[in-house]
Amino acid sequence: MNMHTLHTPLPAFGGYGIELEYMIVDRETLRVRPLAPQLLAHVKPVVGPDGTPLGWSNELVAHVVELKNDRPCAMLEPLVAGFEAEIARANDALATVGARLMPTGMHPWMDPVRETELSPHDQGGIYAARAAIFNYRSHGWANVQAMHLNLPFSGDDEFARLHAAIRLVLPILPALAASSPLADGKRATALDQRLIAYRSNASALPSITGQVVPEPVRTRAEYRTKILEPMYAEIAPHDPDGILQHEWLNSRGAIARFDRSAIEIRVFDVQECPLADLAIAAATVSVVRAVYEREAGIPQSRNTLDTATLAGVLDTCTRDGERAAIGNASFLSMLGYPGRPCTAGELWAHLIGDCSPDAPVHAPAFRDALDVILEEGPLARRILRTLSGSVALFRVREVYRELCDCLESGALFRRAV
C-alpha cells in the first residue's frame, strides 16, 4: 500500500491501507498450487467503486497472492465491494486451470518442506537472500496468510502517540482475528497458530522479531536506535551486500514504515471474506484512535507497560482467543476498561461499545460481521466448533471448501447449529 507515493504525509487516521493474503489451491483437492505468476498475468490493477486503485502482488512464495488498495482510502466500507469484485475476478481466472483462492491464516495440512516454491518475482535478489539465511520451506515463511493494516502519521508527535496506542491494543487482536486452529493436518496448539509460526521464523536472529510486541519508543530517532540498528547489526554478517537491511526486515507485529509515513499492523490472520477483515480493521482503528486521543492528555503514559507484560497478554490471546483471561489491572485501565479481570472477548465488547458513535466500528456495513465475531468467537473457534473434534482429512477438506465458498460469495462463516 503505497502511502509513500504521497507528497505530504497523511495525518493520523487520515487514511487506511489494507493488504489481504490468500493461498492458491486446487479447486478439488485444496492442495496448494504455485500459480501466482499466472494469476498476476490476468489480474491487472483496477480502480475500485470509490475511485481507490486496487492491485494484486506476489512476494516470497509462488502459492500466495496479496490484494491491496494501492493508495490510502479515507473510509474502510467501500473497500468491501472492491475487494469482493477483485476476488471474484481472480477466482474466475483460476477456475480455468482448476484452482481457487483459500482464506484463513494457515493451510490446514500443507507440507511446506515438499510444497513450497519461491516466487520468480525476486526484484533485487531479496527472496534469494532471505532463503540463504532462513528456512523458507517452513510454516513461518510459506504458510502465514495475514491482513496488514497501515495507519499513517505525520511528524514525531503523531508517530509516538500512534505507536504507543498500537502497542497497547496489539496484544488483544488475536481474540478477534485468530483463524488458524489447524496445522500439519491436526489441531494446533493455539487458535492463532499462524502467529506461533510467524514469531519463530527468524528465531536464529532474535532482534528481527523481538517479542512481537514492539518496544516502547518516543521518537522516530529512538525507533531507529532501539529497533532498526540492532537488527541491521545482527543480520550484517549473513547479508554482506546489505540487501536485507531495510525497515521491512522488521518482523514485529507492528512495524514503522518510514518510507510511507505509516505503521503497519501484522498480527491479523486473514478471514473468510473481506467483510470480516474490514470489520476487524474498523474495530482496531476505532479502539486505537480512542487510546490515541486519551493519550493526548497524559503523554506517553502507554509506554509505561513493559514489553514482556504486553507479550504475555499476546501469548494468552494467541492461544485462547476470545476466552483468554486478562487480569493485569494496569493494562485494563490503560485501555479504559473499568472492571475486574475479564476475558478478551468481554474486553472487546466493552471497548467497541465505548467507541464514539461516529467511529468506523459502528458503520452499519460492519455490524453483522462484528456481531458474529463477538457472539460466536473468532473464525478459528467457529472452525473448530464445526469440525466437532474431527480432524479427518475428508472432514477438514469439507469445512475448508465451505470457507473457500465464503470467500467467493462474500459470506460470513457461521458456527454449526
Protein backbone atom coordinates (compact mmCIF):
# COMPACT_ATOMS: atom_id res chain seq x y z
CA MET A 1 0.00 0.00 0.00
CA ASN A 2 1.85 3.00 -1.32
CA MET A 3 1.41 5.77 1.21
CA HIS A 4 4.94 6.84 0.28
CA THR A 5 3.69 7.98 -3.14
CA LEU A 6 2.00 10.94 -1.46
CA HIS A 7 3.98 14.18 -1.39
CA THR A 8 2.67 15.13 2.05
CA PRO A 9 2.22 12.50 4.80
CA LEU A 10 -1.35 11.98 5.90
CA PRO A 11 -2.22 12.87 9.49
CA ALA A 12 -3.00 10.11 11.94
CA PHE A 13 -6.24 8.33 10.94
CA GLY A 14 -6.33 10.35 7.70
CA GLY A 15 -6.45 7.22 5.56
CA TYR A 16 -6.11 3.45 5.63
CA GLY A 17 -4.20 0.81 3.73
CA ILE A 18 -5.31 -2.84 3.73
CA GLU A 19 -3.44 -5.89 2.41
CA LEU A 20 -5.09 -9.33 2.24
CA GLU A 21 -3.08 -12.51 1.59
CA TYR A 22 -4.60 -15.66 0.11
CA MET A 23 -3.36 -19.10 -0.84
CA ILE A 24 -3.92 -20.53 -4.30
CA VAL A 25 -5.20 -24.10 -4.04
CA ASP A 26 -6.57 -26.82 -6.28
CA ARG A 27 -10.31 -26.42 -6.71
CA GLU A 28 -10.98 -30.09 -5.93
CA THR A 29 -8.26 -31.30 -3.54
CA LEU A 30 -7.39 -27.92 -1.94
CA ARG A 31 -3.68 -28.72 -2.17
CA VAL A 32 -1.50 -25.66 -2.72
CA ARG A 33 -0.65 -24.69 -6.29
CA PRO A 34 2.18 -22.30 -7.22
CA LEU A 35 0.18 -20.29 -9.73
CA ALA A 36 0.81 -16.72 -8.58
CA PRO A 37 2.75 -15.71 -11.73
CA GLN A 38 -0.03 -16.94 -13.99
CA LEU A 39 -2.72 -15.22 -11.93
CA LEU A 40 -0.88 -11.90 -11.86
CA ALA A 41 -0.71 -12.01 -15.64
CA HIS A 42 -4.53 -11.96 -15.73
CA VAL A 43 -5.47 -9.54 -12.90
CA LYS A 44 -4.13 -6.12 -13.76
CA PRO A 45 -4.65 -3.09 -11.46
CA VAL A 46 -8.15 -1.63 -11.43
CA VAL A 47 -10.00 1.27 -9.82
CA GLY A 48 -12.47 0.30 -7.10
CA PRO A 49 -16.06 1.60 -6.79
CA ASP A 50 -14.92 4.60 -4.71
CA GLY A 51 -12.07 5.50 -7.05
CA THR A 52 -9.37 3.76 -4.98
CA PRO A 53 -6.77 1.89 -7.06
CA LEU A 54 -6.68 -1.82 -6.24
CA GLY A 55 -3.99 -4.29 -7.19
CA TRP A 56 -2.52 -7.76 -6.76
CA SER A 57 1.05 -8.74 -5.97
CA ASN A 58 3.16 -11.72 -5.00
CA GLU A 59 6.12 -11.87 -2.67
CA LEU A 60 8.20 -14.74 -1.31
CA VAL A 61 6.32 -17.90 -2.34
CA ALA A 62 4.52 -18.76 -5.57
CA HIS A 63 1.31 -20.09 -3.98
CA VAL A 64 0.34 -16.87 -2.15
CA VAL A 65 -1.03 -13.63 -3.60
CA GLU A 66 -1.84 -10.31 -1.96
CA LEU A 67 -4.74 -7.97 -2.68
CA LYS A 68 -4.46 -4.34 -1.55
CA ASN A 69 -5.54 -0.77 -2.10
CA ASP A 70 -2.58 0.93 -3.77
CA ARG A 71 -3.37 4.32 -2.26
CA PRO A 72 -4.81 5.10 1.16
CA CYS A 73 -8.58 5.34 1.35
CA ALA A 74 -10.47 7.70 3.64
CA MET A 75 -13.09 5.08 4.60
CA LEU A 76 -13.00 1.33 5.00
CA GLU A 77 -16.54 0.43 3.95
CA PRO A 78 -16.12 0.96 0.17
CA LEU A 79 -13.21 -1.46 0.12
CA VAL A 80 -15.57 -4.36 0.83
CA ALA A 81 -17.22 -4.24 -2.62
CA GLY A 82 -13.92 -3.50 -4.34
CA PHE A 83 -12.10 -6.41 -2.75
CA GLU A 84 -15.04 -8.77 -3.35
CA ALA A 85 -15.05 -7.89 -7.05
CA GLU A 86 -11.30 -8.49 -7.31
CA ILE A 87 -11.56 -11.88 -5.57
CA ALA A 88 -14.32 -12.88 -8.00
CA ARG A 89 -12.11 -11.82 -10.91
CA ALA A 90 -9.15 -13.79 -9.55
CA ASN A 91 -11.26 -16.88 -8.94
CA ASP A 92 -12.67 -16.70 -12.46
CA ALA A 93 -9.13 -16.69 -13.84
CA LEU A 94 -8.02 -19.52 -11.55
CA ALA A 95 -11.06 -21.64 -12.41
CA THR A 96 -9.73 -22.06 -15.94
CA VAL A 97 -6.81 -24.06 -14.50
CA GLY A 98 -8.82 -25.84 -11.78
CA ALA A 99 -7.74 -23.63 -8.89
CA ARG A 100 -9.21 -21.09 -6.45
CA LEU A 101 -8.27 -18.80 -3.56
CA MET A 102 -8.34 -20.10 0.00
CA PRO A 103 -8.79 -17.87 3.08
CA THR A 104 -7.65 -18.29 6.73
CA GLY A 105 -4.26 -17.73 8.31
CA MET A 106 -2.82 -21.18 7.56
CA HIS A 107 -3.44 -24.04 5.17
CA PRO A 108 -4.56 -26.86 7.49
CA TRP A 109 -2.45 -29.68 6.09
CA MET A 110 0.20 -28.13 3.81
CA ASP A 111 3.69 -29.64 3.98
CA PRO A 112 5.96 -26.62 3.45
CA VAL A 113 9.07 -28.76 3.00
CA ARG A 114 7.67 -30.51 -0.08
CA GLU A 115 5.24 -27.97 -1.46
CA THR A 116 7.00 -24.61 -1.28
CA GLU A 117 8.30 -22.86 -4.39
CA LEU A 118 10.00 -19.47 -4.29
CA SER A 119 8.38 -16.73 -6.32
CA PRO A 120 10.10 -15.91 -9.63
CA HIS A 121 9.41 -12.21 -8.95
CA ASP A 122 12.61 -11.57 -7.00
CA GLN A 123 13.50 -7.94 -7.54
CA GLY A 124 16.98 -7.18 -6.26
CA GLY A 125 17.55 -10.75 -5.09
CA ILE A 126 15.68 -10.12 -1.83
CA TYR A 127 13.96 -13.50 -1.68
CA ALA A 128 17.09 -15.41 -2.56
CA ALA A 129 18.99 -13.53 0.16
CA ARG A 130 16.31 -14.41 2.70
CA ALA A 131 16.25 -18.04 1.59
CA ALA A 132 20.01 -18.26 2.13
CA ILE A 133 19.60 -17.23 5.77
CA PHE A 134 16.19 -18.52 6.86
CA ASN A 135 14.33 -21.78 6.35
CA TYR A 136 11.70 -20.56 3.89
CA ARG A 137 10.42 -24.15 3.49
CA SER A 138 8.63 -23.81 6.81
CA HIS A 139 5.23 -22.70 8.01
CA GLY A 140 6.67 -19.43 9.29
CA TRP A 141 7.54 -18.30 5.77
CA ALA A 142 5.32 -20.32 3.42
CA ASN A 143 2.05 -20.72 5.34
CA VAL A 144 1.22 -17.49 7.18
CA GLN A 145 -1.56 -15.56 5.42
CA ALA A 146 -2.42 -12.26 7.08
CA MET A 147 -4.25 -8.99 6.82
CA HIS A 148 -2.00 -5.95 7.18
CA LEU A 149 -3.46 -2.64 8.34
CA ASN A 150 -1.48 0.55 7.59
CA LEU A 151 -2.17 3.66 9.67
CA PRO A 152 -0.48 6.95 8.72
CA PHE A 153 1.26 9.55 10.86
CA SER A 154 2.77 12.98 10.28
CA GLY A 155 5.73 14.03 12.42
CA ASP A 156 7.29 12.78 15.62
CA ASP A 157 4.40 13.56 17.95
CA GLU A 158 1.86 11.64 15.91
CA PHE A 159 4.28 8.78 15.40
CA ALA A 160 4.98 8.47 19.14
CA ARG A 161 1.31 8.60 20.13
CA LEU A 162 0.21 6.21 17.39
CA HIS A 163 2.98 3.73 18.14
CA ALA A 164 2.13 3.79 21.85
CA ALA A 165 -1.58 3.25 21.17
CA ILE A 166 -1.00 0.39 18.71
CA ARG A 167 1.46 -1.22 21.11
CA LEU A 168 -1.25 -1.33 23.77
CA VAL A 169 -4.06 -2.70 21.57
CA LEU A 170 -1.95 -5.20 19.59
CA PRO A 171 -1.87 -7.97 22.26
CA ILE A 172 -5.64 -8.50 22.18
CA LEU A 173 -6.07 -8.54 18.38
CA PRO A 174 -5.92 -12.36 18.03
CA ALA A 175 -9.09 -12.55 20.14
CA LEU A 176 -10.90 -11.07 17.12
CA ALA A 177 -8.76 -12.29 14.25
CA ALA A 178 -7.50 -15.82 15.01
CA SER A 179 -8.33 -18.07 12.05
CA SER A 180 -5.60 -20.75 12.13
CA PRO A 181 -6.55 -23.54 14.55
CA LEU A 182 -5.13 -26.36 12.39
CA ALA A 183 -1.66 -27.13 11.04
CA ASP A 184 0.06 -30.25 9.72
CA GLY A 185 -3.32 -31.96 9.48
CA LYS A 186 -4.14 -31.76 13.17
CA ARG A 187 -5.46 -29.48 15.89
CA ALA A 188 -2.85 -26.81 16.56
CA THR A 189 -1.59 -25.71 19.96
CA ALA A 190 -3.27 -22.31 19.58
CA LEU A 191 -6.29 -20.72 17.93
CA ASP A 192 -3.82 -18.45 16.15
CA GLN A 193 -1.16 -20.93 15.08
CA ARG A 194 -0.08 -18.54 12.34
CA LEU A 195 1.31 -16.20 14.98
CA ILE A 196 3.15 -19.09 16.63
CA ALA A 197 4.80 -19.90 13.30
CA TYR A 198 5.35 -16.24 12.41
CA ARG A 199 7.14 -15.30 15.62
CA SER A 200 9.68 -18.12 15.21
CA ASN A 201 10.50 -17.73 11.51
CA ALA A 202 13.64 -15.69 12.26
CA SER A 203 14.50 -17.16 15.66
CA ALA A 204 18.18 -17.51 14.75
CA LEU A 205 18.34 -13.70 14.66
CA PRO A 206 16.05 -12.67 17.55
CA SER A 207 16.32 -8.91 17.03
CA ILE A 208 14.23 -9.23 13.86
CA THR A 209 11.01 -10.32 15.58
CA GLY A 210 11.74 -9.33 19.17
CA GLN A 211 8.77 -10.25 21.35
CA VAL A 212 6.34 -9.43 18.50
CA VAL A 213 5.02 -6.54 20.60
CA PRO A 214 7.32 -3.64 19.68
CA GLU A 215 9.48 -1.94 22.28
CA PRO A 216 8.38 1.47 23.65
CA VAL A 217 9.80 4.44 21.76
CA ARG A 218 9.14 8.17 21.89
CA THR A 219 10.62 9.42 18.60
CA ARG A 220 11.48 8.15 15.17
CA ALA A 221 15.17 8.53 16.01
CA GLU A 222 14.74 6.36 19.11
CA TYR A 223 12.96 3.76 17.00
CA ARG A 224 15.94 3.57 14.67
CA THR A 225 18.35 3.29 17.59
CA LYS A 226 16.39 0.72 19.64
CA ILE A 227 14.81 -1.43 16.94
CA LEU A 228 16.28 -0.98 13.47
CA GLU A 229 20.01 -0.60 14.14
CA PRO A 230 20.35 -3.73 16.37
CA MET A 231 18.51 -5.71 13.69
CA TYR A 232 20.77 -4.46 10.91
CA ALA A 233 23.86 -5.18 13.00
CA GLU A 234 22.73 -8.74 13.78
CA ILE A 235 21.99 -9.66 10.18
CA ALA A 236 25.05 -7.94 8.69
CA PRO A 237 27.38 -10.99 8.88
CA HIS A 238 24.75 -13.02 6.96
CA ASP A 239 23.93 -10.25 4.48
CA PRO A 240 27.28 -8.81 3.33
CA ASP A 241 25.73 -6.96 0.38
CA GLY A 242 23.17 -5.20 2.59
CA ILE A 243 20.25 -6.47 0.52
CA LEU A 244 18.04 -7.06 3.57
CA GLN A 245 18.99 -4.06 5.68
CA HIS A 246 15.74 -2.15 5.25
CA GLU A 247 12.90 -1.36 7.63
CA TRP A 248 10.70 -4.09 6.13
CA LEU A 249 13.09 -6.70 7.57
CA ASN A 250 11.49 -5.94 10.93
CA SER A 251 9.04 -8.76 11.75
CA ARG A 252 7.38 -7.40 14.88
CA GLY A 253 3.62 -7.41 14.99
CA ALA A 254 3.57 -3.69 14.17
CA ILE A 255 6.39 -2.06 12.24
CA ALA A 256 7.19 1.53 11.36
CA ARG A 257 7.26 2.13 7.61
CA PHE A 258 9.04 5.47 7.47
CA ASP A 259 9.19 5.15 3.68
CA ARG A 260 5.41 5.60 3.63
CA SER A 261 4.91 7.50 6.96
CA ALA A 262 2.77 4.70 8.35
CA ILE A 263 2.73 1.97 10.96
CA GLU A 264 1.81 -1.46 9.60
CA ILE A 265 -0.01 -3.86 11.94
CA ARG A 266 0.64 -7.50 11.00
CA VAL A 267 -0.90 -9.69 13.70
CA PHE A 268 -4.26 -10.31 11.99
CA ASP A 269 -4.98 -13.70 10.44
CA VAL A 270 -6.84 -13.22 7.16
CA GLN A 271 -10.56 -14.01 7.49
CA GLU A 272 -13.16 -15.89 5.46
CA CYS A 273 -14.20 -12.82 3.43
CA PRO A 274 -13.22 -9.16 3.09
CA LEU A 275 -16.26 -8.04 5.07
CA ALA A 276 -14.91 -9.82 8.14
CA ASP A 277 -11.37 -8.49 7.60
CA LEU A 278 -12.54 -4.92 7.22
CA ALA A 279 -14.88 -5.17 10.21
CA ILE A 280 -11.89 -6.25 12.33
CA ALA A 281 -9.85 -3.41 10.83
CA ALA A 282 -12.63 -0.97 11.72
CA ALA A 283 -12.71 -2.22 15.31
CA THR A 284 -8.94 -1.90 15.56
CA VAL A 285 -8.86 1.61 14.09
CA SER A 286 -11.62 2.76 16.41
CA VAL A 287 -10.06 1.40 19.60
CA VAL A 288 -6.55 2.54 18.67
CA ARG A 289 -7.91 6.01 17.99
CA ALA A 290 -9.70 6.12 21.35
CA VAL A 291 -6.43 5.25 23.12
CA TYR A 292 -4.52 7.72 20.93
CA GLU A 293 -6.88 10.57 21.79
CA ARG A 294 -6.91 9.85 25.52
CA GLU A 295 -3.13 9.77 25.47
CA ALA A 296 -3.01 13.42 24.38
CA GLY A 297 -3.82 14.46 27.94
CA ILE A 298 -1.28 12.13 29.56
CA PRO A 299 1.61 11.97 27.08
CA GLN A 300 3.47 8.70 26.70
CA SER A 301 1.67 7.01 29.60
CA ARG A 302 1.04 3.99 27.39
CA ASN A 303 4.78 3.38 27.23
CA THR A 304 4.91 2.60 30.95
CA LEU A 305 3.95 -1.05 30.48
CA ASP A 306 6.99 -3.16 29.69
CA THR A 307 7.14 -5.24 26.55
CA ALA A 308 7.27 -8.57 28.42
CA THR A 309 3.94 -7.82 30.11
CA LEU A 310 2.25 -7.00 26.82
CA ALA A 311 3.85 -10.03 25.15
CA GLY A 312 2.35 -12.19 27.88
CA VAL A 313 -1.14 -10.88 27.05
CA LEU A 314 -0.47 -11.52 23.38
CA ASP A 315 0.62 -15.10 24.09
CA THR A 316 -2.57 -15.77 26.03
CA CYS A 317 -4.81 -14.32 23.31
CA THR A 318 -2.85 -16.19 20.62
CA ARG A 319 -3.54 -19.47 22.39
CA ASP A 320 -7.06 -18.95 23.75
CA GLY A 321 -8.60 -16.25 21.55
CA GLU A 322 -11.69 -14.62 22.98
CA ARG A 323 -11.55 -16.87 26.07
CA ALA A 324 -8.14 -15.58 27.14
CA ALA A 325 -8.15 -14.41 30.75
CA ILE A 326 -6.82 -10.88 31.21
CA GLY A 327 -6.13 -9.76 34.75
CA ASN A 328 -3.41 -7.10 34.59
CA ALA A 329 -5.12 -4.09 36.19
CA SER A 330 -2.73 -1.53 34.68
CA PHE A 331 -3.24 -2.89 31.19
CA LEU A 332 -7.02 -2.92 31.53
CA SER A 333 -7.07 0.59 32.99
CA MET A 334 -4.94 1.99 30.17
CA LEU A 335 -7.40 0.55 27.66
CA GLY A 336 -10.26 2.21 29.51
CA TYR A 337 -11.76 -0.94 30.98
CA PRO A 338 -13.08 -0.11 34.45
CA GLY A 339 -13.98 -3.54 35.77
CA ARG A 340 -12.27 -6.53 37.33
CA PRO A 341 -10.38 -9.22 35.36
CA CYS A 342 -12.20 -10.30 32.22
CA THR A 343 -11.90 -12.39 29.12
CA ALA A 344 -10.54 -10.91 25.91
CA GLY A 345 -14.00 -11.27 24.37
CA GLU A 346 -15.59 -9.30 27.19
CA LEU A 347 -12.90 -6.66 26.86
CA TRP A 348 -13.50 -6.27 23.12
CA ALA A 349 -17.26 -5.98 23.62
CA HIS A 350 -16.67 -3.18 26.12
CA LEU A 351 -14.09 -1.36 24.00
CA ILE A 352 -16.26 -1.46 20.88
CA GLY A 353 -19.33 -0.33 22.78
CA ASP A 354 -17.34 2.52 24.33
CA CYS A 355 -16.18 3.95 20.98
CA SER A 356 -17.73 7.22 19.81
CA PRO A 357 -20.91 6.81 17.71
CA ASP A 358 -19.13 8.05 14.57
CA ALA A 359 -16.21 5.62 14.91
CA PRO A 360 -15.64 3.27 11.92
CA VAL A 361 -16.57 0.26 14.03
CA HIS A 362 -20.18 1.49 14.21
CA ALA A 363 -20.65 1.67 10.44
CA PRO A 364 -23.79 -0.33 9.56
CA ALA A 365 -21.81 -2.27 6.95
CA PHE A 366 -19.78 -3.97 9.69
CA ARG A 367 -22.48 -4.66 12.26
CA ASP A 368 -23.33 -8.24 11.24
CA ALA A 369 -19.71 -9.33 10.98
CA LEU A 370 -18.81 -7.92 14.38
CA ASP A 371 -21.91 -9.45 15.95
CA VAL A 372 -20.85 -12.87 14.64
CA ILE A 373 -17.30 -12.46 15.95
CA LEU A 374 -18.35 -11.17 19.37
CA GLU A 375 -21.15 -13.70 19.84
CA GLU A 376 -19.68 -16.82 18.23
CA GLY A 377 -15.96 -16.20 18.63
CA PRO A 378 -13.18 -15.64 16.10
CA LEU A 379 -13.12 -17.69 12.92
CA ALA A 380 -10.76 -20.25 14.49
CA ARG A 381 -13.33 -21.01 17.19
CA ARG A 382 -16.10 -21.38 14.60
CA ILE A 383 -13.94 -23.73 12.51
CA LEU A 384 -13.25 -25.98 15.50
CA ARG A 385 -16.88 -25.99 16.56
CA THR A 386 -17.94 -27.02 13.05
CA LEU A 387 -15.35 -29.81 12.97
CA SER A 388 -16.70 -31.15 16.31
CA GLY A 389 -13.36 -32.67 17.22
CA SER A 390 -12.73 -34.44 13.92
CA VAL A 391 -9.53 -33.70 12.02
CA ALA A 392 -10.02 -36.45 9.44
CA LEU A 393 -8.83 -35.13 6.09
CA PHE A 394 -12.19 -35.58 4.38
CA ARG A 395 -13.93 -33.55 7.11
CA VAL A 396 -11.31 -30.79 7.20
CA ARG A 397 -11.49 -30.57 3.41
CA GLU A 398 -15.29 -30.16 3.59
CA VAL A 399 -15.02 -27.28 6.05
CA TYR A 400 -12.27 -25.51 4.15
CA ARG A 401 -14.20 -25.88 0.88
CA GLU A 402 -17.02 -24.07 2.65
CA LEU A 403 -14.55 -21.37 3.70
CA CYS A 404 -13.41 -21.02 0.09
CA ASP A 405 -17.08 -20.67 -0.87
CA CYS A 406 -17.44 -17.91 1.75
CA LEU A 407 -14.56 -16.06 0.14
CA GLU A 408 -16.12 -16.39 -3.31
CA SER A 409 -19.56 -15.23 -2.16
CA GLY A 410 -18.56 -12.67 0.46
CA ALA A 411 -20.44 -14.58 3.17
CA LEU A 412 -19.63 -14.93 6.85
CA PHE A 413 -18.81 -18.40 8.21
CA ARG A 414 -21.31 -19.18 10.96
CA ARG A 415 -20.97 -21.76 13.70
CA ALA A 416 -22.55 -25.15 13.16
CA VAL A 417 -26.01 -25.32 14.76
